[in-house]
Every structure is written in structure tokens, then in C-alpha cells.
Amino acid sequence: MSTPHVVVVMGVAGTGKTTIGPLLAAQLGVPYAEGDDFHPPANIAKMSAGTPLTDDDRWPWLDAIGAWAHGRAGLGGVVSSSALKRSYRDRLRAEAPGVVFVHLTGDRALIEDRMSHRQGHFMPTALLDSQFATLQPLGADEAGVAVDVTGGPQEISERAFKALGALGQ
């Protein structure tokens, strides 16, 4: 890869953003930031209760992620964020214009199975349908790649790394 870019690992809950993000960051030799850490406590409480976030809930969270990405411009970094809607990605790009997205994609049944086996996470499987309903895949004019989440974490991370390399990022 050439100039270090900031990569946003995106996708619905359960696709492996928190697992793949650090692996990809290590491959790229840049720091990783966990997107969930940018949520205010009220957002965590809502999601823990099974209540989907509204756009108004998400704006401060996206702004915080965008500020982190802006601060890493020219230095590189990887951050996770569901970034499900185009408007959310536009918000991130407004703060950090050079971000590149890695959209982790997969079959709903596989993702639900993975979610049901993870421990200590606030996002219940009950919100998966709302996540898929909200998801707007990357547009052709958006810098990024879609990466399938079948296989193990190393395999998925390598797939993402190669896809980014093919972009020239």
C-alpha cells in the first residue's frame, strides 16, 4: 500500500469488525480504534435494551469516529463502525475525506450464528433484522471494497488486505 489511509471496517453487527479490524491494522502496520468505544453511554444502554439507535443517536458517535480518522490522516489507521447508511459514511467522509471502507458482508444465518456465540457484547441478535434493513451497501462512487466473512479471521483479514491493495490504497 502507498500512503497510509484510514480504513473504516464496516458492516452489520456480528460480521467481525472487532476481530478483523485489529488483524487488518496489524497487516497494514497502523493503529486500530474500536468504534464501539466512541459510543456515549446512552447509546450502549439503548442497544443493550434491544432498542435500535436513531440517526440523532448516531451523529455524535460518527462525529467522534470521524475526528479520530481526521487525526490519523496521512498516518493511517483502522477503525470499526457499522456505517450502515450512505449518510453515515458521508458524515465520516466530511470529517475525514480520505477514508476507505472495508464492508464485511455475509449471509444472515452465518452472522446470527456468530452473534449468538459471542460473549460480553451489548448488541443482541434481536437487532440484526434492523441492521440488515438499514444497510445500504457501498455505492460505486464510494472508496472501498466488499469482503465476504466466510472462513476464519486470518483468511478474512487477508482477503481484506488484498482487496485494499487492489484498490491501490
Protein backbone atom coordinates (compact mmCIF):
# COMPACT_ATOMS: atom_id res chain seq x y z
CA MET A 1 0.00 0.00 0.00
CA SER A 2 1.13 3.53 -0.69
CA THR A 3 0.29 6.46 1.57
CA PRO A 4 -1.30 5.15 4.76
CA HIS A 5 -5.04 5.63 4.60
CA VAL A 6 -7.59 5.43 7.34
CA VAL A 7 -9.71 2.34 6.80
CA VAL A 8 -13.21 2.04 8.25
CA VAL A 9 -14.20 -1.61 8.73
CA MET A 10 -17.98 -1.54 8.36
CA GLY A 11 -20.95 -3.91 8.31
CA VAL A 12 -23.87 -5.13 10.33
CA ALA A 13 -23.38 -6.37 13.88
CA GLY A 14 -21.73 -9.77 14.03
CA THR A 15 -19.72 -9.55 10.81
CA GLY A 16 -16.47 -9.43 12.77
CA LYS A 17 -15.50 -5.76 12.71
CA THR A 18 -13.87 -6.00 16.15
CA THR A 19 -11.99 -9.17 15.18
CA ILE A 20 -10.95 -8.23 11.64
CA GLY A 21 -10.14 -4.58 12.39
CA PRO A 22 -7.11 -5.25 14.62
CA LEU A 23 -5.84 -8.00 12.32
CA LEU A 24 -6.07 -5.71 9.31
CA ALA A 25 -4.42 -2.87 11.25
CA ALA A 26 -1.52 -5.19 12.12
CA GLN A 27 -1.12 -6.18 8.46
CA LEU A 28 -1.10 -2.51 7.48
CA GLY A 29 1.21 -1.51 10.35
CA VAL A 30 -1.19 1.14 11.69
CA PRO A 31 -3.17 1.60 14.93
CA TYR A 32 -6.67 0.24 15.46
CA ALA A 33 -9.55 2.01 17.21
CA GLU A 34 -12.67 0.15 18.36
CA GLY A 35 -15.70 2.03 17.08
CA ASP A 36 -17.89 0.91 19.96
CA ASP A 37 -15.59 2.84 22.32
CA PHE A 38 -16.79 6.08 20.70
CA HIS A 39 -20.44 5.48 21.69
CA PRO A 40 -21.79 7.60 24.53
CA PRO A 41 -23.16 5.54 27.46
CA ALA A 42 -26.77 6.35 26.46
CA ASN A 43 -26.25 4.59 23.10
CA ILE A 44 -24.83 1.48 24.79
CA ALA A 45 -27.81 1.43 27.18
CA LYS A 46 -30.29 1.67 24.30
CA MET A 47 -28.67 -1.11 22.30
CA SER A 48 -28.28 -3.31 25.40
CA ALA A 49 -32.03 -2.95 25.93
CA GLY A 50 -32.67 -4.06 22.34
CA THR A 51 -33.64 -0.59 21.12
CA PRO A 52 -32.20 0.42 17.74
CA LEU A 53 -30.37 3.74 17.65
CA THR A 54 -31.86 6.67 15.79
CA ASP A 55 -29.87 8.87 13.43
CA ASP A 56 -29.81 11.53 16.15
CA ASP A 57 -28.20 8.97 18.48
CA ARG A 58 -25.59 8.13 15.87
CA TRP A 59 -24.42 11.62 14.81
CA PRO A 60 -22.21 12.32 17.86
CA TRP A 61 -20.79 8.80 17.63
CA LEU A 62 -19.98 9.20 13.93
CA ASP A 63 -18.51 12.64 14.56
CA ALA A 64 -16.20 11.17 17.22
CA ILE A 65 -15.05 8.41 14.85
CA GLY A 66 -14.60 10.99 12.08
CA ALA A 67 -12.49 13.16 14.38
CA TRP A 68 -10.25 10.18 15.18
CA ALA A 69 -9.93 9.36 11.46
CA HIS A 70 -9.16 13.01 10.67
CA GLY A 71 -6.40 12.98 13.27
CA ARG A 72 -4.89 9.91 11.58
CA ALA A 73 -4.94 11.44 8.07
CA GLY A 74 -1.62 10.78 6.37
CA LEU A 75 -0.60 8.46 9.21
CA GLY A 76 -3.06 5.65 8.61
CA GLY A 77 -5.31 3.72 10.93
CA VAL A 78 -8.15 1.27 11.08
CA VAL A 79 -11.40 1.94 12.93
CA SER A 80 -14.58 -0.10 13.14
CA SER A 81 -18.01 1.43 12.56
CA SER A 82 -21.20 -0.16 11.32
CA ALA A 83 -21.55 2.80 8.88
CA LEU A 84 -24.71 1.14 7.58
CA LYS A 85 -26.18 4.09 5.68
CA ARG A 86 -24.66 6.18 2.93
CA SER A 87 -25.45 9.27 5.02
CA TYR A 88 -23.33 7.86 7.88
CA ARG A 89 -20.41 7.24 5.54
CA ASP A 90 -20.88 10.73 4.07
CA ARG A 91 -20.68 12.10 7.61
CA LEU A 92 -17.42 10.22 8.20
CA ARG A 93 -16.02 11.42 4.86
CA ALA A 94 -16.98 15.02 5.68
CA GLU A 95 -14.71 14.84 8.73
CA ALA A 96 -12.03 12.63 7.15
CA PRO A 97 -12.23 12.87 3.34
CA GLY A 98 -9.64 10.18 2.60
CA VAL A 99 -11.26 7.29 4.45
CA VAL A 100 -11.60 3.97 2.67
CA PHE A 101 -14.24 1.42 3.63
CA VAL A 102 -13.97 -2.34 4.03
CA HIS A 103 -17.55 -3.62 4.05
CA LEU A 104 -17.69 -7.02 5.75
CA THR A 105 -20.55 -8.93 4.14
CA GLY A 106 -22.12 -12.28 4.80
CA ASP A 107 -25.15 -14.48 4.95
CA ARG A 108 -27.63 -13.51 7.67
CA ALA A 109 -27.73 -17.05 9.12
CA LEU A 110 -23.93 -17.16 9.49
CA ILE A 111 -23.84 -13.73 11.13
CA GLU A 112 -26.67 -14.60 13.53
CA ASP A 113 -24.88 -17.81 14.49
CA ARG A 114 -21.67 -15.90 15.21
CA MET A 115 -23.56 -13.29 17.24
CA SER A 116 -25.26 -15.96 19.34
CA HIS A 117 -21.87 -17.38 20.37
CA ARG A 118 -20.09 -14.20 21.36
CA GLN A 119 -19.73 -13.29 25.00
CA GLY A 120 -19.98 -9.95 26.75
CA HIS A 121 -21.22 -7.85 23.84
CA PHE A 122 -24.09 -5.40 24.27
CA MET A 123 -25.67 -5.93 20.82
CA PRO A 124 -28.41 -8.58 20.99
CA THR A 125 -29.25 -10.77 17.98
CA ALA A 126 -32.76 -9.24 18.13
CA LEU A 127 -31.35 -6.10 16.47
CA LEU A 128 -29.88 -7.98 13.50
CA ASP A 129 -33.01 -7.57 11.36
CA SER A 130 -32.99 -3.80 11.90
CA GLN A 131 -29.30 -3.75 10.97
CA PHE A 132 -29.95 -5.54 7.67
CA ALA A 133 -32.99 -3.34 6.99
CA THR A 134 -30.87 -0.21 7.49
CA LEU A 135 -27.84 -1.42 5.50
CA GLN A 136 -27.05 0.44 2.30
CA PRO A 137 -24.09 -1.29 0.61
CA LEU A 138 -21.20 0.80 -0.68
CA GLY A 139 -22.03 2.75 -3.80
CA ALA A 140 -19.88 2.50 -6.92
CA ASP A 141 -18.65 6.04 -6.22
CA GLU A 142 -17.50 5.22 -2.66
CA ALA A 143 -13.86 4.32 -1.99
CA GLY A 144 -13.94 0.84 -0.59
CA VAL A 145 -14.30 -2.89 -1.03
CA ALA A 146 -16.77 -5.57 0.00
CA VAL A 147 -15.22 -8.58 1.73
CA ASP A 148 -17.08 -11.83 2.41
CA VAL A 149 -16.88 -13.07 6.03
CA THR A 150 -16.91 -16.80 5.39
CA GLY A 151 -13.86 -18.55 6.77
CA GLY A 152 -11.64 -17.77 9.71
CA PRO A 153 -10.46 -14.37 10.90
CA GLN A 154 -6.99 -14.61 9.33
CA GLU A 155 -8.49 -15.61 5.99
CA ILE A 156 -11.00 -12.72 6.08
CA SER A 157 -8.30 -10.23 7.10
CA GLU A 158 -6.02 -11.41 4.29
CA ARG A 159 -8.91 -11.10 1.83
CA ALA A 160 -9.49 -7.51 3.01
CA PHE A 161 -5.78 -6.67 2.82
CA LYS A 162 -5.54 -7.96 -0.75
CA ALA A 163 -8.75 -6.17 -1.79
CA LEU A 164 -7.39 -2.88 -0.42
CA GLY A 165 -4.12 -3.49 -2.24
CA ALA A 166 -6.03 -3.98 -5.47
CA LEU A 167 -7.61 -0.57 -4.90
CA GLY A 168 -4.12 0.91 -4.71
CA GLN A 169 -4.84 2.12 -1.19
